[in-house]
Amino acid sequence: MLRPSRIAAILPLSFLLACAGTADEDGDLLSDNLELLIGTNTEIADSDGDGFTDAEEWLGYFNPMDSEDHPHEGGYYRMPSPLNHPSGDQEIESDGLSEGDISDNWQLTDRFGELVDLHDYYGQVILIDMGAEWCGPCRAAGPEAEAEYQDLREEGFMVLNLLLDGLTYGAPPDPDRWADDLGLSFPILPDQAMDVAGDYIESTDGNFGIPNFSVLGRDMTIAQIYENPAPMNTVEDLLGEDGPYVEWPLPENAADLREELGIEVHHHDLHLQENIDLGVELAGAGVASGGGGAASGGGEGTGGGGFTVANGDGSYAGPPWGGVACNQASSPSSSLLALLFGLLGVAGIRRR
């Protein structure tokens, strides 16, 4: 159901577009032409029934046909990913977990209990930060990671923090405490069993240091593994590269709709015009704008459309990002209708 806080924001645009005669049968602010193109249901504002309208999801680069893919409580931004395209025709062809590989996907649950997929952040440069709450250098690295994240995220920078332990060795990590203590806003992902972290550690004897960092490029290519201090020069070089283009047809007034719906999209100008042009070309003038009010509900989508990819000493002091490490050890392991819907809208040591 469209949340009440959204209704007041949508209403002025609803009346404007309804009177203009734009076809938007379900009142979700995406035209019927565009919805038929991307495969969502033109009669239901929330095609996958996850509580977010199709416009809220599509304009924020989430899959409106997957109830498990929707805006995170943590507010993590992202770019178009082939993984989240409702046509299912686009893929990320991964080939491993070694330097130079296009990384295999993985999932972990964040501090809000929501799944985070690595491949959701396709198009961004990713720093994987591994640490533990008891590790002094890890605590020192956290606020620096946050500062870099705030400074660079509009360029497409993402930090994924794998938290291995709590305040003592072997204790379960508490991601809320970690985030609150250090003021962190990027995803905190508990991984005490090292299901993911183990893939980014190079060790011949089971011992390894934390914090350590790995870097993935915009196309998910693994650029560096197991580095300390954080290789920010590599991050900045990769941020300077063009991001991969994913066909994600957008309405011509995407920026206005985002503002109306309160959708924050960073670095949205990257490939924005290409996708607006694509939307207008494939779906016609009806894609240029949407209208209506705030109908909602669940159900299966109708229509369709396919797209292909056209073309990542134990002290607190020290160099940025720690530069020092705690030891870890591991063992192997129609207009009237539009107006009607507009009116309806009123209603250390570690052993693995």
Protein backbone atom coordinates (compact mmCIF):
# COMPACT_ATOMS: atom_id res chain seq x y z
CA MET A 1 0.00 0.00 0.00
CA LEU A 2 1.27 3.44 -0.84
CA ARG A 3 2.24 5.05 2.42
CA PRO A 4 0.16 8.10 3.55
CA SER A 5 3.27 10.27 3.61
CA ARG A 6 3.56 9.78 -0.15
CA ILE A 7 -0.03 10.72 -0.99
CA ALA A 8 0.21 14.43 -0.20
CA ALA A 9 3.41 14.69 -2.19
CA ILE A 10 1.97 12.93 -5.24
CA LEU A 11 -1.41 14.68 -5.36
CA PRO A 12 -0.47 17.98 -7.08
CA LEU A 13 1.31 16.14 -9.87
CA SER A 14 -1.56 13.65 -10.05
CA PHE A 15 -4.13 16.35 -10.90
CA LEU A 16 -1.81 18.05 -13.36
CA LEU A 17 -1.09 14.88 -15.31
CA ALA A 18 -4.61 13.49 -15.08
CA CYS A 19 -6.00 16.65 -16.66
CA ALA A 20 -3.35 16.40 -19.35
CA GLY A 21 -4.88 13.06 -20.39
CA THR A 22 -1.82 10.88 -19.80
CA ALA A 23 -2.70 7.17 -19.59
CA ASP A 24 -1.77 5.85 -16.16
CA GLU A 25 -4.48 3.40 -15.19
CA ASP A 26 -3.09 2.41 -11.80
CA GLY A 27 -2.02 5.90 -10.77
CA ASP A 28 1.55 4.98 -9.87
CA LEU A 29 3.08 7.87 -11.89
CA LEU A 30 4.48 5.54 -14.58
CA SER A 31 2.65 5.70 -17.90
CA ASP A 32 0.93 2.55 -19.12
CA ASN A 33 3.24 2.50 -22.14
CA LEU A 34 6.31 2.38 -19.93
CA GLU A 35 4.80 -0.23 -17.65
CA LEU A 36 3.96 -2.48 -20.60
CA LEU A 37 7.53 -2.07 -21.74
CA ILE A 38 9.20 -3.01 -18.46
CA GLY A 39 6.70 -5.73 -17.56
CA THR A 40 4.85 -4.27 -14.57
CA ASN A 41 1.11 -4.42 -14.06
CA THR A 42 -0.71 -1.41 -15.53
CA GLU A 43 -3.69 -2.05 -13.22
CA ILE A 44 -1.83 -2.28 -9.92
CA ALA A 45 0.41 0.45 -8.55
CA ASP A 46 2.53 -2.00 -6.56
CA SER A 47 3.01 -4.95 -8.90
CA ASP A 48 5.00 -7.11 -6.49
CA GLY A 49 3.04 -6.18 -3.35
CA ASP A 50 6.08 -5.16 -1.30
CA GLY A 51 4.70 -1.80 -0.12
CA PHE A 52 6.54 0.33 -2.66
CA THR A 53 4.91 1.58 -5.88
CA ASP A 54 6.35 0.61 -9.24
CA ALA A 55 7.54 4.19 -9.72
CA GLU A 56 9.29 4.29 -6.35
CA GLU A 57 11.18 1.14 -7.26
CA TRP A 58 11.87 1.63 -10.98
CA LEU A 59 13.01 5.24 -10.57
CA GLY A 60 15.29 4.20 -7.70
CA TYR A 61 16.78 1.29 -9.67
CA PHE A 62 14.96 -1.50 -7.85
CA ASN A 63 13.06 -4.35 -9.46
CA PRO A 64 9.29 -3.64 -9.22
CA MET A 65 8.56 -7.29 -10.04
CA ASP A 66 10.58 -8.78 -7.16
CA SER A 67 9.07 -8.42 -3.69
CA GLU A 68 12.48 -9.07 -2.11
CA ASP A 69 14.12 -6.20 -3.99
CA HIS A 70 13.01 -2.81 -2.70
CA PRO A 71 14.46 0.32 -1.10
CA HIS A 72 16.46 -0.66 1.98
CA GLU A 73 15.70 0.71 5.40
CA GLY A 74 19.33 1.77 5.49
CA GLY A 75 18.78 4.04 2.48
CA TYR A 76 21.65 2.61 0.44
CA TYR A 77 21.66 4.10 -3.03
CA ARG A 78 22.61 2.22 -6.15
CA MET A 79 22.71 2.26 -9.94
CA PRO A 80 20.94 0.08 -12.54
CA SER A 81 22.04 -3.53 -12.14
CA PRO A 82 21.37 -6.38 -14.58
CA LEU A 83 20.55 -8.50 -11.52
CA ASN A 84 17.50 -6.34 -10.79
CA HIS A 85 16.06 -6.01 -14.30
CA PRO A 86 12.51 -7.42 -14.41
CA SER A 87 12.93 -8.84 -17.92
CA GLY A 88 15.52 -11.29 -16.62
CA ASP A 89 17.36 -10.95 -19.93
CA GLN A 90 20.35 -9.19 -18.47
CA GLU A 91 23.04 -10.96 -16.49
CA ILE A 92 26.35 -10.36 -14.79
CA GLU A 93 28.64 -13.08 -16.09
CA SER A 94 30.83 -13.73 -13.07
CA ASP A 95 33.83 -16.03 -13.20
CA GLY A 96 35.32 -16.35 -9.72
CA LEU A 97 36.65 -14.70 -6.58
CA SER A 98 40.28 -14.02 -7.46
CA GLU A 99 41.93 -10.77 -8.51
CA GLY A 100 40.98 -10.03 -12.11
CA ASP A 101 37.77 -12.07 -11.93
CA ILE A 102 34.28 -10.65 -12.29
CA SER A 103 33.15 -11.48 -8.80
CA ASP A 104 30.64 -14.17 -8.05
CA ASN A 105 27.60 -12.86 -6.21
CA TRP A 106 27.00 -13.30 -2.50
CA GLN A 107 24.37 -12.29 0.04
CA LEU A 108 24.51 -11.26 3.68
CA THR A 109 21.89 -9.80 6.01
CA ASP A 110 22.40 -6.19 7.13
CA ARG A 111 21.69 -4.69 10.54
CA PHE A 112 18.05 -4.06 9.57
CA GLY A 113 17.47 -7.72 8.77
CA GLU A 114 17.41 -7.16 5.01
CA LEU A 115 19.42 -9.12 2.46
CA VAL A 116 22.21 -7.29 0.67
CA ASP A 117 23.40 -8.72 -2.66
CA LEU A 118 26.86 -7.79 -3.87
CA HIS A 119 25.63 -7.53 -7.46
CA ASP A 120 22.99 -4.99 -6.42
CA TYR A 121 25.83 -2.47 -6.47
CA TYR A 122 26.90 -3.10 -10.04
CA GLY A 123 28.09 0.19 -11.53
CA GLN A 124 29.67 1.35 -8.28
CA VAL A 125 33.21 1.01 -6.97
CA ILE A 126 33.06 -1.14 -3.86
CA LEU A 127 35.38 -1.25 -0.89
CA ILE A 128 34.93 -4.41 1.19
CA ASP A 129 36.05 -3.59 4.73
CA MET A 130 36.65 -6.54 7.08
CA GLY A 131 37.05 -6.05 10.80
CA ALA A 132 35.83 -6.82 14.31
CA GLU A 133 34.47 -4.76 17.19
CA TRP A 134 37.31 -5.69 19.55
CA CYS A 135 40.00 -4.60 17.08
CA GLY A 136 41.36 -1.11 17.81
CA PRO A 137 42.62 -0.40 14.27
CA CYS A 138 39.26 -1.57 12.91
CA ARG A 139 37.52 0.97 15.12
CA ALA A 140 39.92 3.65 13.92
CA ALA A 141 39.28 2.69 10.29
CA GLY A 142 35.48 2.87 10.57
CA PRO A 143 35.04 6.66 10.81
CA GLU A 144 37.61 7.16 8.06
CA ALA A 145 35.66 4.78 5.85
CA GLU A 146 32.51 6.76 6.61
CA ALA A 147 34.21 10.05 5.71
CA GLU A 148 35.37 8.64 2.37
CA TYR A 149 31.93 7.19 1.74
CA GLN A 150 30.24 10.55 2.33
CA ASP A 151 32.79 12.33 0.20
CA LEU A 152 32.76 9.95 -2.76
CA ARG A 153 29.37 8.25 -2.82
CA GLU A 154 27.96 10.71 -5.36
CA GLU A 155 30.69 9.47 -7.68
CA GLY A 156 29.53 5.90 -7.16
CA PHE A 157 31.52 4.72 -4.13
CA MET A 158 30.10 2.04 -1.81
CA VAL A 159 31.52 0.48 1.37
CA LEU A 160 30.41 -2.99 2.45
CA ASN A 161 31.57 -3.68 6.01
CA LEU A 162 31.96 -7.37 6.95
CA LEU A 163 31.89 -7.57 10.75
CA LEU A 164 33.51 -10.76 12.06
CA ASP A 165 33.37 -10.50 15.88
CA GLY A 166 31.86 -8.59 18.76
CA LEU A 167 33.62 -6.77 21.59
CA THR A 168 35.57 -9.89 22.55
CA TYR A 169 37.17 -12.54 20.42
CA GLY A 170 34.60 -15.12 19.32
CA ALA A 171 31.59 -13.08 20.52
CA PRO A 172 28.81 -12.44 18.00
CA PRO A 173 29.07 -9.03 16.34
CA ASP A 174 26.42 -6.42 17.09
CA PRO A 175 26.02 -4.35 13.90
CA ASP A 176 23.72 -1.79 15.55
CA ARG A 177 26.24 -1.11 18.31
CA TRP A 178 29.08 -0.93 15.79
CA ALA A 179 27.20 1.51 13.54
CA ASP A 180 26.01 3.66 16.44
CA ASP A 181 29.39 3.78 18.20
CA LEU A 182 31.26 4.81 15.06
CA GLY A 183 28.54 6.74 13.22
CA LEU A 184 28.47 4.46 10.17
CA SER A 185 25.77 4.67 7.48
CA PHE A 186 26.98 2.17 4.88
CA PRO A 187 25.87 -1.49 5.07
CA ILE A 188 27.14 -3.38 8.13
CA LEU A 189 27.05 -7.12 7.43
CA PRO A 190 27.72 -9.61 10.23
CA ASP A 191 29.86 -12.49 8.96
CA GLN A 192 31.20 -14.29 12.02
CA ALA A 193 31.39 -17.61 10.18
CA MET A 194 33.43 -15.88 7.47
CA ASP A 195 31.19 -17.28 4.75
CA VAL A 196 32.06 -14.25 2.61
CA ALA A 197 35.13 -12.77 4.28
CA GLY A 198 37.06 -16.01 3.78
CA ASP A 199 36.98 -15.44 0.04
CA TYR A 200 38.86 -12.14 0.39
CA ILE A 201 41.67 -13.32 2.65
CA GLU A 202 45.08 -14.48 1.46
CA SER A 203 46.76 -16.69 4.04
CA THR A 204 48.94 -19.78 3.83
CA ASP A 205 48.96 -20.61 7.54
CA GLY A 206 45.45 -19.59 8.63
CA ASN A 207 46.63 -16.30 10.16
CA PHE A 208 45.43 -13.01 8.79
CA GLY A 209 45.20 -9.37 9.83
CA ILE A 210 42.29 -7.03 10.33
CA PRO A 211 41.25 -4.55 9.25
CA ASN A 212 41.81 -5.58 5.66
CA PHE A 213 40.24 -4.31 2.48
CA SER A 214 39.36 -5.51 -1.01
CA VAL A 215 38.28 -3.38 -3.99
CA LEU A 216 35.87 -4.16 -6.82
CA GLY A 217 35.45 -2.04 -9.95
CA ARG A 218 32.22 -0.80 -11.47
CA ASP A 219 31.74 -3.98 -13.51
CA MET A 220 32.38 -6.21 -10.47
CA THR A 221 35.96 -7.00 -11.48
CA ILE A 222 38.04 -7.71 -8.37
CA ALA A 223 40.86 -5.17 -8.49
CA GLN A 224 42.63 -5.91 -5.18
CA ILE A 225 42.26 -8.42 -2.37
CA TYR A 226 43.43 -8.33 1.24
CA GLU A 227 45.07 -4.91 1.49
CA ASN A 228 46.00 -2.73 4.49
CA PRO A 229 45.83 0.23 4.58
CA ALA A 230 42.79 0.70 2.38
CA PRO A 231 43.89 1.16 -1.26
CA MET A 232 42.10 4.45 -1.82
CA ASN A 233 44.32 5.29 -4.80
CA THR A 234 42.84 2.28 -6.58
CA VAL A 235 39.34 3.36 -5.55
CA GLU A 236 39.85 6.84 -6.95
CA ASP A 237 41.31 5.50 -10.20
CA LEU A 238 38.34 3.20 -10.67
CA LEU A 239 35.88 6.00 -9.89
CA GLY A 240 37.42 7.89 -12.80
CA GLU A 241 36.37 5.17 -15.23
CA ASP A 242 33.05 5.18 -17.07
CA GLY A 243 30.43 2.97 -15.49
CA PRO A 244 28.86 0.10 -17.44
CA TYR A 245 25.62 0.94 -19.20
CA VAL A 246 22.48 -1.01 -18.36
CA GLU A 247 19.36 -0.45 -20.44
CA TRP A 248 16.88 0.96 -17.93
CA PRO A 249 14.21 2.95 -19.85
CA LEU A 250 13.20 6.08 -17.97
CA PRO A 251 10.45 8.68 -18.45
CA GLU A 252 11.57 12.04 -19.75
CA ASN A 253 10.55 13.68 -16.47
CA ALA A 254 12.37 11.16 -14.26
CA ALA A 255 14.08 13.88 -12.26
CA ASP A 256 10.77 15.63 -11.50
CA LEU A 257 9.12 12.38 -10.49
CA ARG A 258 12.00 11.51 -8.19
CA GLU A 259 11.71 14.87 -6.51
CA GLU A 260 7.94 14.43 -6.18
CA LEU A 261 8.36 10.99 -4.61
CA GLY A 262 11.34 11.87 -2.44
CA ILE A 263 13.64 9.41 -4.22
CA GLU A 264 17.30 10.22 -3.73
CA VAL A 265 19.53 8.96 -6.52
CA HIS A 266 23.18 9.90 -6.46
CA HIS A 267 25.34 10.13 -9.60
CA HIS A 268 22.05 9.78 -11.53
CA ASP A 269 23.36 11.74 -14.52
CA LEU A 270 25.56 8.78 -15.49
CA HIS A 271 23.76 7.29 -18.51
CA LEU A 272 20.58 9.14 -17.54
CA GLN A 273 20.04 10.68 -20.98
CA GLU A 274 20.73 7.41 -22.76
CA ASN A 275 18.01 5.70 -20.76
CA ILE A 276 15.55 8.57 -21.23
CA ASP A 277 16.16 8.41 -24.98
CA LEU A 278 15.73 4.65 -24.87
CA GLY A 279 12.45 4.95 -23.00
CA VAL A 280 11.00 7.47 -25.45
CA GLU A 281 12.22 5.43 -28.42
CA LEU A 282 10.84 2.09 -27.24
CA ALA A 283 7.58 3.13 -25.61
CA GLY A 284 6.74 6.31 -27.49
CA ALA A 285 5.58 9.69 -26.27
CA GLY A 286 3.50 8.11 -23.52
CA VAL A 287 6.69 7.39 -21.64
CA ALA A 288 7.42 11.07 -21.29
CA SER A 289 5.30 11.44 -18.19
CA GLY A 290 3.11 9.55 -15.78
CA GLY A 291 0.11 10.57 -13.75
CA GLY A 292 -2.58 9.54 -11.36
CA GLY A 293 -2.98 9.15 -7.69
CA ALA A 294 -2.16 6.44 -5.24
CA ALA A 295 -3.79 3.12 -5.99
CA SER A 296 -1.90 0.16 -4.63
CA GLY A 297 -2.01 -3.54 -4.06
CA GLY A 298 -0.31 -6.80 -4.99
CA GLY A 299 -0.47 -9.12 -7.93
CA GLU A 300 1.33 -10.36 -10.98
CA GLY A 301 2.60 -8.03 -13.68
CA THR A 302 1.40 -7.98 -17.25
CA GLY A 303 3.13 -6.88 -20.40
CA GLY A 304 6.80 -7.29 -21.04
CA GLY A 305 9.92 -6.13 -22.74
CA GLY A 306 13.46 -7.35 -22.93
CA PHE A 307 16.72 -5.44 -22.83
CA THR A 308 20.34 -6.45 -23.01
CA VAL A 309 23.46 -4.97 -21.50
CA ALA A 310 24.93 -2.54 -24.00
CA ASN A 311 27.49 -2.08 -22.65
CA GLY A 312 32.68 -2.65 -8.22
CA ASP A 313 51.08 -2.99 15.61
CA GLY A 314 47.53 -3.08 17.24
CA SER A 315 47.45 0.62 18.18
CA TYR A 316 44.65 3.09 17.51
CA ALA A 317 46.98 5.64 15.94
CA GLY A 318 48.66 5.28 12.57
CA PRO A 319 48.19 5.95 8.88
CA PRO A 320 44.71 6.43 7.48
CA TRP A 321 42.52 3.35 7.56
CA GLY A 322 44.57 1.84 10.30
CA GLY A 323 47.74 1.01 8.45
CA VAL A 324 48.22 -1.40 11.32
CA ALA A 325 46.48 -4.68 11.96
CA CYS A 326 45.19 -7.03 14.58
CA ASN A 327 46.16 -10.65 14.06
CA GLN A 328 43.47 -13.13 13.16
CA ALA A 329 43.99 -16.86 12.87
CA SER A 330 41.82 -19.32 11.06
CA SER A 331 41.79 -23.00 10.41
CA PRO A 332 40.69 -24.35 7.00
CA SER A 333 37.19 -24.24 6.64
CA SER A 334 -7.88 7.34 -20.49
CA SER A 335 -7.96 10.94 -18.87
CA LEU A 336 -11.19 10.21 -16.97
CA LEU A 337 -9.72 7.16 -15.46
CA ALA A 338 -6.62 9.11 -14.68
CA LEU A 339 -8.66 11.83 -12.99
CA LEU A 340 -10.59 9.20 -11.05
CA PHE A 341 -7.38 7.67 -9.73
CA GLY A 342 -6.12 11.14 -9.00
CA LEU A 343 -9.16 11.71 -6.81
CA LEU A 344 -8.66 8.34 -5.13
CA GLY A 345 -5.20 9.52 -4.19
CA VAL A 346 -6.70 11.93 -1.68
CA ALA A 347 -7.88 9.00 0.36
CA GLY A 348 44.30 -9.47 17.82
CA ILE A 349 43.85 -13.25 17.40
CA ARG A 350 41.06 -15.10 15.84
CA ARG A 351 40.58 -18.76 15.02
CA ARG A 352 38.14 -19.71 12.29
